Amino acid sequence: MKKKEIIKKTDLDQLSPKEKMKYEIAEELGLLDRVLTDGWKTLSAKETGRIGGIMTKRMRKPKP
């Protein structure tokens, strides 16, 4: 059986910018604790869609 990959808060510095953004948005939505303990698979389609939508919105936003 495959072990769960659990990202610790100290490991967030080693992630790509998109991955960092994904974790930051999960934290803003109050989902980070669940993601860190149980993984992304425990989120509903609605929750992951919300994260993806916010990521898309932020990436399309022009930078000043």
PDB file of N, CA and C in Angstrom:
ATOM      1  N   MET A   1       0.837  -1.181   0.000  1.00  0.00           N
ATOM      2  CA  MET A   1       0.000   0.000   0.000  1.00  0.00           C
ATOM      3  C   MET A   1       0.884   1.247   0.000  1.00  0.00           C
ATOM      4  N   LYS A   2       0.483   2.223  -0.769  1.00  0.00           N
ATOM      5  CA  LYS A   2       1.282   3.437  -0.925  1.00  0.00           C
ATOM      6  C   LYS A   2       1.066   4.375   0.261  1.00  0.00           C
ATOM      7  N   LYS A   3       2.146   4.943   0.765  1.00  0.00           N
ATOM      8  CA  LYS A   3       2.033   5.899   1.864  1.00  0.00           C
ATOM      9  C   LYS A   3       1.483   7.216   1.359  1.00  0.00           C
ATOM     10  N   LYS A   4       0.752   7.888   2.218  1.00  0.00           N
ATOM     11  CA  LYS A   4       0.225   9.209   1.868  1.00  0.00           C
ATOM     12  C   LYS A   4       1.372  10.214   1.841  1.00  0.00           C
ATOM     13  N   GLU A   5       1.306  11.106   0.876  1.00  0.00           N
ATOM     14  CA  GLU A   5       2.291  12.177   0.819  1.00  0.00           C
ATOM     15  C   GLU A   5       1.732  13.358   1.587  1.00  0.00           C
ATOM     16  N   ILE A   6       2.342  13.656   2.704  1.00  0.00           N
ATOM     17  CA  ILE A   6       1.874  14.759   3.529  1.00  0.00           C
ATOM     18  C   ILE A   6       2.922  15.861   3.489  1.00  0.00           C
ATOM     19  N   ILE A   7       2.503  17.027   3.037  1.00  0.00           N
ATOM     20  CA  ILE A   7       3.394  18.179   2.953  1.00  0.00           C
ATOM     21  C   ILE A   7       3.345  18.915   4.286  1.00  0.00           C
ATOM     22  N   LYS A   8       4.501  19.127   4.867  1.00  0.00           N
ATOM     23  CA  LYS A   8       4.560  19.897   6.103  1.00  0.00           C
ATOM     24  C   LYS A   8       4.700  21.367   5.752  1.00  0.00           C
ATOM     25  N   LYS A   9       4.359  22.221   6.687  1.00  0.00           N
ATOM     26  CA  LYS A   9       4.436  23.654   6.424  1.00  0.00           C
ATOM     27  C   LYS A   9       5.854  24.082   6.060  1.00  0.00           C
ATOM     28  N   THR A  10       6.866  23.388   6.564  1.00  0.00           N
ATOM     29  CA  THR A  10       8.241  23.744   6.245  1.00  0.00           C
ATOM     30  C   THR A  10       8.593  23.356   4.812  1.00  0.00           C
ATOM     31  N   ASP A  11       7.876  22.404   4.242  1.00  0.00           N
ATOM     32  CA  ASP A  11       8.153  21.957   2.877  1.00  0.00           C
ATOM     33  C   ASP A  11       7.524  22.861   1.825  1.00  0.00           C
ATOM     34  N   LEU A  12       6.678  23.794   2.218  1.00  0.00           N
ATOM     35  CA  LEU A  12       6.002  24.657   1.260  1.00  0.00           C
ATOM     36  C   LEU A  12       6.978  25.528   0.480  1.00  0.00           C
ATOM     37  N   ASP A  13       8.155  25.793   1.038  1.00  0.00           N
ATOM     38  CA  ASP A  13       9.155  26.608   0.353  1.00  0.00           C
ATOM     39  C   ASP A  13       9.750  25.875  -0.849  1.00  0.00           C
ATOM     40  N   GLN A  14       9.667  24.566  -0.867  1.00  0.00           N
ATOM     41  CA  GLN A  14      10.272  23.772  -1.932  1.00  0.00           C
ATOM     42  C   GLN A  14       9.316  23.520  -3.095  1.00  0.00           C
ATOM     43  N   LEU A  15       8.085  24.007  -3.011  1.00  0.00           N
ATOM     44  CA  LEU A  15       7.092  23.769  -4.053  1.00  0.00           C
ATOM     45  C   LEU A  15       7.190  24.796  -5.175  1.00  0.00           C
ATOM     46  N   SER A  16       6.615  24.445  -6.317  1.00  0.00           N
ATOM     47  CA  SER A  16       6.563  25.383  -7.441  1.00  0.00           C
ATOM     48  C   SER A  16       5.597  26.515  -7.091  1.00  0.00           C
ATOM     49  N   PRO A  17       5.688  27.642  -7.795  1.00  0.00           N
ATOM     50  CA  PRO A  17       4.796  28.771  -7.497  1.00  0.00           C
ATOM     51  C   PRO A  17       3.309  28.416  -7.586  1.00  0.00           C
ATOM     52  N   LYS A  18       2.929  27.587  -8.557  1.00  0.00           N
ATOM     53  CA  LYS A  18       1.524  27.189  -8.679  1.00  0.00           C
ATOM     54  C   LYS A  18       1.089  26.317  -7.505  1.00  0.00           C
ATOM     55  N   GLU A  19       1.957  25.416  -7.079  1.00  0.00           N
ATOM     56  CA  GLU A  19       1.638  24.567  -5.933  1.00  0.00           C
ATOM     57  C   GLU A  19       1.516  25.402  -4.661  1.00  0.00           C
ATOM     58  N   LYS A  20       2.425  26.378  -4.495  1.00  0.00           N
ATOM     59  CA  LYS A  20       2.342  27.270  -3.338  1.00  0.00           C
ATOM     60  C   LYS A  20       1.013  27.994  -3.326  1.00  0.00           C
ATOM     61  N   MET A  21       0.607  28.490  -4.503  1.00  0.00           N
ATOM     62  CA  MET A  21      -0.653  29.210  -4.608  1.00  0.00           C
ATOM     63  C   MET A  21      -1.819  28.300  -4.218  1.00  0.00           C
ATOM     64  N   LYS A  22      -1.764  27.055  -4.640  1.00  0.00           N
ATOM     65  CA  LYS A  22      -2.827  26.100  -4.335  1.00  0.00           C
ATOM     66  C   LYS A  22      -2.955  25.905  -2.822  1.00  0.00           C
ATOM     67  N   TYR A  23      -1.837  25.758  -2.146  1.00  0.00           N
ATOM     68  CA  TYR A  23      -1.862  25.589  -0.695  1.00  0.00           C
ATOM     69  C   TYR A  23      -2.317  26.875   0.004  1.00  0.00           C
ATOM     70  N   GLU A  24      -1.899  28.029  -0.501  1.00  0.00           N
ATOM     71  CA  GLU A  24      -2.314  29.304   0.092  1.00  0.00           C
ATOM     72  C   GLU A  24      -3.825  29.484  -0.017  1.00  0.00           C
ATOM     73  N   ILE A  25      -4.386  29.146  -1.163  1.00  0.00           N
ATOM     74  CA  ILE A  25      -5.829  29.275  -1.358  1.00  0.00           C
ATOM     75  C   ILE A  25      -6.571  28.286  -0.469  1.00  0.00           C
ATOM     76  N   ALA A  26      -6.048  27.075  -0.354  1.00  0.00           N
ATOM     77  CA  ALA A  26      -6.669  26.088   0.538  1.00  0.00           C
ATOM     78  C   ALA A  26      -6.685  26.610   1.973  1.00  0.00           C
ATOM     79  N   GLU A  27      -5.609  27.288   2.363  1.00  0.00           N
ATOM     80  CA  GLU A  27      -5.553  27.866   3.706  1.00  0.00           C
ATOM     81  C   GLU A  27      -6.589  28.974   3.859  1.00  0.00           C
ATOM     82  N   GLU A  28      -6.719  29.822   2.847  1.00  0.00           N
ATOM     83  CA  GLU A  28      -7.695  30.909   2.897  1.00  0.00           C
ATOM     84  C   GLU A  28      -9.123  30.383   3.010  1.00  0.00           C
ATOM     85  N   LEU A  29      -9.384  29.250   2.381  1.00  0.00           N
ATOM     86  CA  LEU A  29     -10.723  28.664   2.410  1.00  0.00           C
ATOM     87  C   LEU A  29     -10.951  27.779   3.639  1.00  0.00           C
ATOM     88  N   GLY A  30      -9.922  27.639   4.474  1.00  0.00           N
ATOM     89  CA  GLY A  30     -10.051  26.841   5.688  1.00  0.00           C
ATOM     90  C   GLY A  30      -9.939  25.341   5.442  1.00  0.00           C
ATOM     91  N   LEU A  31      -9.294  24.961   4.354  1.00  0.00           N
ATOM     92  CA  LEU A  31      -9.191  23.549   3.989  1.00  0.00           C
ATOM     93  C   LEU A  31      -7.793  22.974   4.191  1.00  0.00           C
ATOM     94  N   LEU A  32      -6.840  23.807   4.542  1.00  0.00           N
ATOM     95  CA  LEU A  32      -5.443  23.364   4.595  1.00  0.00           C
ATOM     96  C   LEU A  32      -5.219  22.251   5.614  1.00  0.00           C
ATOM     97  N   ASP A  33      -5.811  22.357   6.785  1.00  0.00           N
ATOM     98  CA  ASP A  33      -5.602  21.323   7.805  1.00  0.00           C
ATOM     99  C   ASP A  33      -6.048  19.951   7.305  1.00  0.00           C
ATOM    100  N   ARG A  34      -7.186  19.927   6.632  1.00  0.00           N
ATOM    101  CA  ARG A  34      -7.697  18.661   6.104  1.00  0.00           C
ATOM    102  C   ARG A  34      -6.797  18.130   4.997  1.00  0.00           C
ATOM    103  N   VAL A  35      -6.277  19.020   4.166  1.00  0.00           N
ATOM    104  CA  VAL A  35      -5.381  18.604   3.086  1.00  0.00           C
ATOM    105  C   VAL A  35      -4.085  18.046   3.664  1.00  0.00           C
ATOM    106  N   LEU A  36      -3.547  18.700   4.677  1.00  0.00           N
ATOM    107  CA  LEU A  36      -2.279  18.257   5.256  1.00  0.00           C
ATOM    108  C   LEU A  36      -2.416  16.930   5.986  1.00  0.00           C
ATOM    109  N   THR A  37      -3.561  16.681   6.605  1.00  0.00           N
ATOM    110  CA  THR A  37      -3.714  15.433   7.351  1.00  0.00           C
ATOM    111  C   THR A  37      -4.186  14.277   6.480  1.00  0.00           C
ATOM    112  N   ASP A  38      -5.138  14.535   5.582  1.00  0.00           N
ATOM    113  CA  ASP A  38      -5.749  13.442   4.827  1.00  0.00           C
ATOM    114  C   ASP A  38      -5.456  13.468   3.335  1.00  0.00           C
ATOM    115  N   GLY A  39      -4.902  14.546   2.830  1.00  0.00           N
ATOM    116  CA  GLY A  39      -4.573  14.637   1.412  1.00  0.00           C
ATOM    117  C   GLY A  39      -5.662  15.311   0.598  1.00  0.00           C
ATOM    118  N   TRP A  40      -5.325  15.604  -0.655  1.00  0.00           N
ATOM    119  CA  TRP A  40      -6.238  16.311  -1.553  1.00  0.00           C
ATOM    120  C   TRP A  40      -7.455  15.472  -1.902  1.00  0.00           C
ATOM    121  N   LYS A  41      -7.331  14.158  -1.855  1.00  0.00           N
ATOM    122  CA  LYS A  41      -8.439  13.289  -2.268  1.00  0.00           C
ATOM    123  C   LYS A  41      -9.651  13.392  -1.346  1.00  0.00           C
ATOM    124  N   THR A  42      -9.479  13.948  -0.158  1.00  0.00           N
ATOM    125  CA  THR A  42     -10.604  14.060   0.773  1.00  0.00           C
ATOM    126  C   THR A  42     -11.493  15.263   0.481  1.00  0.00           C
ATOM    127  N   LEU A  43     -11.044  16.158  -0.389  1.00  0.00           N
ATOM    128  CA  LEU A  43     -11.855  17.322  -0.728  1.00  0.00           C
ATOM    129  C   LEU A  43     -12.918  16.939  -1.748  1.00  0.00           C
ATOM    130  N   SER A  44     -14.037  17.619  -1.673  1.00  0.00           N
ATOM    131  CA  SER A  44     -15.106  17.373  -2.639  1.00  0.00           C
ATOM    132  C   SER A  44     -14.776  18.055  -3.964  1.00  0.00           C
ATOM    133  N   ALA A  45     -15.521  17.699  -4.991  1.00  0.00           N
ATOM    134  CA  ALA A  45     -15.326  18.322  -6.303  1.00  0.00           C
ATOM    135  C   ALA A  45     -15.613  19.815  -6.221  1.00  0.00           C
ATOM    136  N   LYS A  46     -16.569  20.187  -5.410  1.00  0.00           N
ATOM    137  CA  LYS A  46     -16.913  21.600  -5.244  1.00  0.00           C
ATOM    138  C   LYS A  46     -15.741  22.367  -4.636  1.00  0.00           C
ATOM    139  N   GLU A  47     -15.103  21.779  -3.626  1.00  0.00           N
ATOM    140  CA  GLU A  47     -13.980  22.437  -2.953  1.00  0.00           C
ATOM    141  C   GLU A  47     -12.764  22.548  -3.871  1.00  0.00           C
ATOM    142  N   THR A  48     -12.439  21.481  -4.579  1.00  0.00           N
ATOM    143  CA  THR A  48     -11.283  21.542  -5.476  1.00  0.00           C
ATOM    144  C   THR A  48     -11.559  22.465  -6.660  1.00  0.00           C
ATOM    145  N   GLY A  49     -12.796  22.485  -7.116  1.00  0.00           N
ATOM    146  CA  GLY A  49     -13.164  23.403  -8.190  1.00  0.00           C
ATOM    147  C   GLY A  49     -13.046  24.845  -7.766  1.00  0.00           C
ATOM    148  N   ARG A  50     -13.405  25.113  -6.530  1.00  0.00           N
ATOM    149  CA  ARG A  50     -13.279  26.474  -5.991  1.00  0.00           C
ATOM    150  C   ARG A  50     -11.810  26.889  -5.947  1.00  0.00           C
ATOM    151  N   ILE A  51     -10.951  25.991  -5.497  1.00  0.00           N
ATOM    152  CA  ILE A  51      -9.514  26.283  -5.451  1.00  0.00           C
ATOM    153  C   ILE A  51      -8.988  26.544  -6.863  1.00  0.00           C
ATOM    154  N   GLY A  52      -9.353  25.686  -7.812  1.00  0.00           N
ATOM    155  CA  GLY A  52      -8.908  25.857  -9.193  1.00  0.00           C
ATOM    156  C   GLY A  52      -9.420  27.143  -9.814  1.00  0.00           C
ATOM    157  N   GLY A  53     -10.658  27.502  -9.504  1.00  0.00           N
ATOM    158  CA  GLY A  53     -11.222  28.739 -10.035  1.00  0.00           C
ATOM    159  C   GLY A  53     -10.511  29.970  -9.518  1.00  0.00           C
ATOM    160  N   ILE A  54     -10.198  29.965  -8.240  1.00  0.00           N
ATOM    161  CA  ILE A  54      -9.482  31.100  -7.646  1.00  0.00           C
ATOM    162  C   ILE A  54      -8.064  31.176  -8.212  1.00  0.00           C
ATOM    163  N   MET A  55      -7.424  30.014  -8.407  1.00  0.00           N
ATOM    164  CA  MET A  55      -6.080  30.005  -9.003  1.00  0.00           C
ATOM    165  C   MET A  55      -6.108  30.612 -10.400  1.00  0.00           C
ATOM    166  N   THR A  56      -7.080  30.213 -11.201  1.00  0.00           N
ATOM    167  CA  THR A  56      -7.200  30.729 -12.563  1.00  0.00           C
ATOM    168  C   THR A  56      -7.422  32.229 -12.559  1.00  0.00           C
ATOM    169  N   LYS A  57      -8.272  32.675 -11.670  1.00  0.00           N
ATOM    170  CA  LYS A  57      -8.569  34.106 -11.568  1.00  0.00           C
ATOM    171  C   LYS A  57      -7.306  34.894 -11.222  1.00  0.00           C
ATOM    172  N   ARG A  58      -6.526  34.382 -10.284  1.00  0.00           N
ATOM    173  CA  ARG A  58      -5.299  35.075  -9.867  1.00  0.00           C
ATOM    174  C   ARG A  58      -4.230  35.055 -10.953  1.00  0.00           C
ATOM    175  N   MET A  59      -4.150  33.961 -11.699  1.00  0.00           N
ATOM    176  CA  MET A  59      -3.129  33.882 -12.752  1.00  0.00           C
ATOM    177  C   MET A  59      -3.474  34.787 -13.932  1.00  0.00           C
ATOM    178  N   ARG A  60      -4.755  34.994 -14.187  1.00  0.00           N
ATOM    179  CA  ARG A  60      -5.178  35.847 -15.299  1.00  0.00           C
ATOM    180  C   ARG A  60      -5.113  37.320 -14.944  1.00  0.00           C
ATOM    181  N   LYS A  61      -5.108  37.630 -13.662  1.00  0.00           N
ATOM    182  CA  LYS A  61      -5.081  39.015 -13.195  1.00  0.00           C
ATOM    183  C   LYS A  61      -3.750  39.656 -13.593  1.00  0.00           C
ATOM    184  N   PRO A  62      -3.801  40.806 -14.290  1.00  0.00           N
ATOM    185  CA  PRO A  62      -2.546  41.462 -14.688  1.00  0.00           C
ATOM    186  C   PRO A  62      -1.762  41.955 -13.472  1.00  0.00           C
ATOM    187  N   LYS A  63      -0.469  41.790 -13.547  1.00  0.00           N
ATOM    188  CA  LYS A  63       0.389  42.226 -12.443  1.00  0.00           C
ATOM    189  C   LYS A  63       0.755  43.689 -12.634  1.00  0.00           C
ATOM    190  N   PRO A  64       0.707  44.479 -11.556  1.00  0.00           N
ATOM    191  CA  PRO A  64       1.034  45.922 -11.673  1.00  0.00           C
ATOM    192  C   PRO A  64       2.496  46.178 -11.897  1.00  0.00           C
TER     193      PRO A  64
END
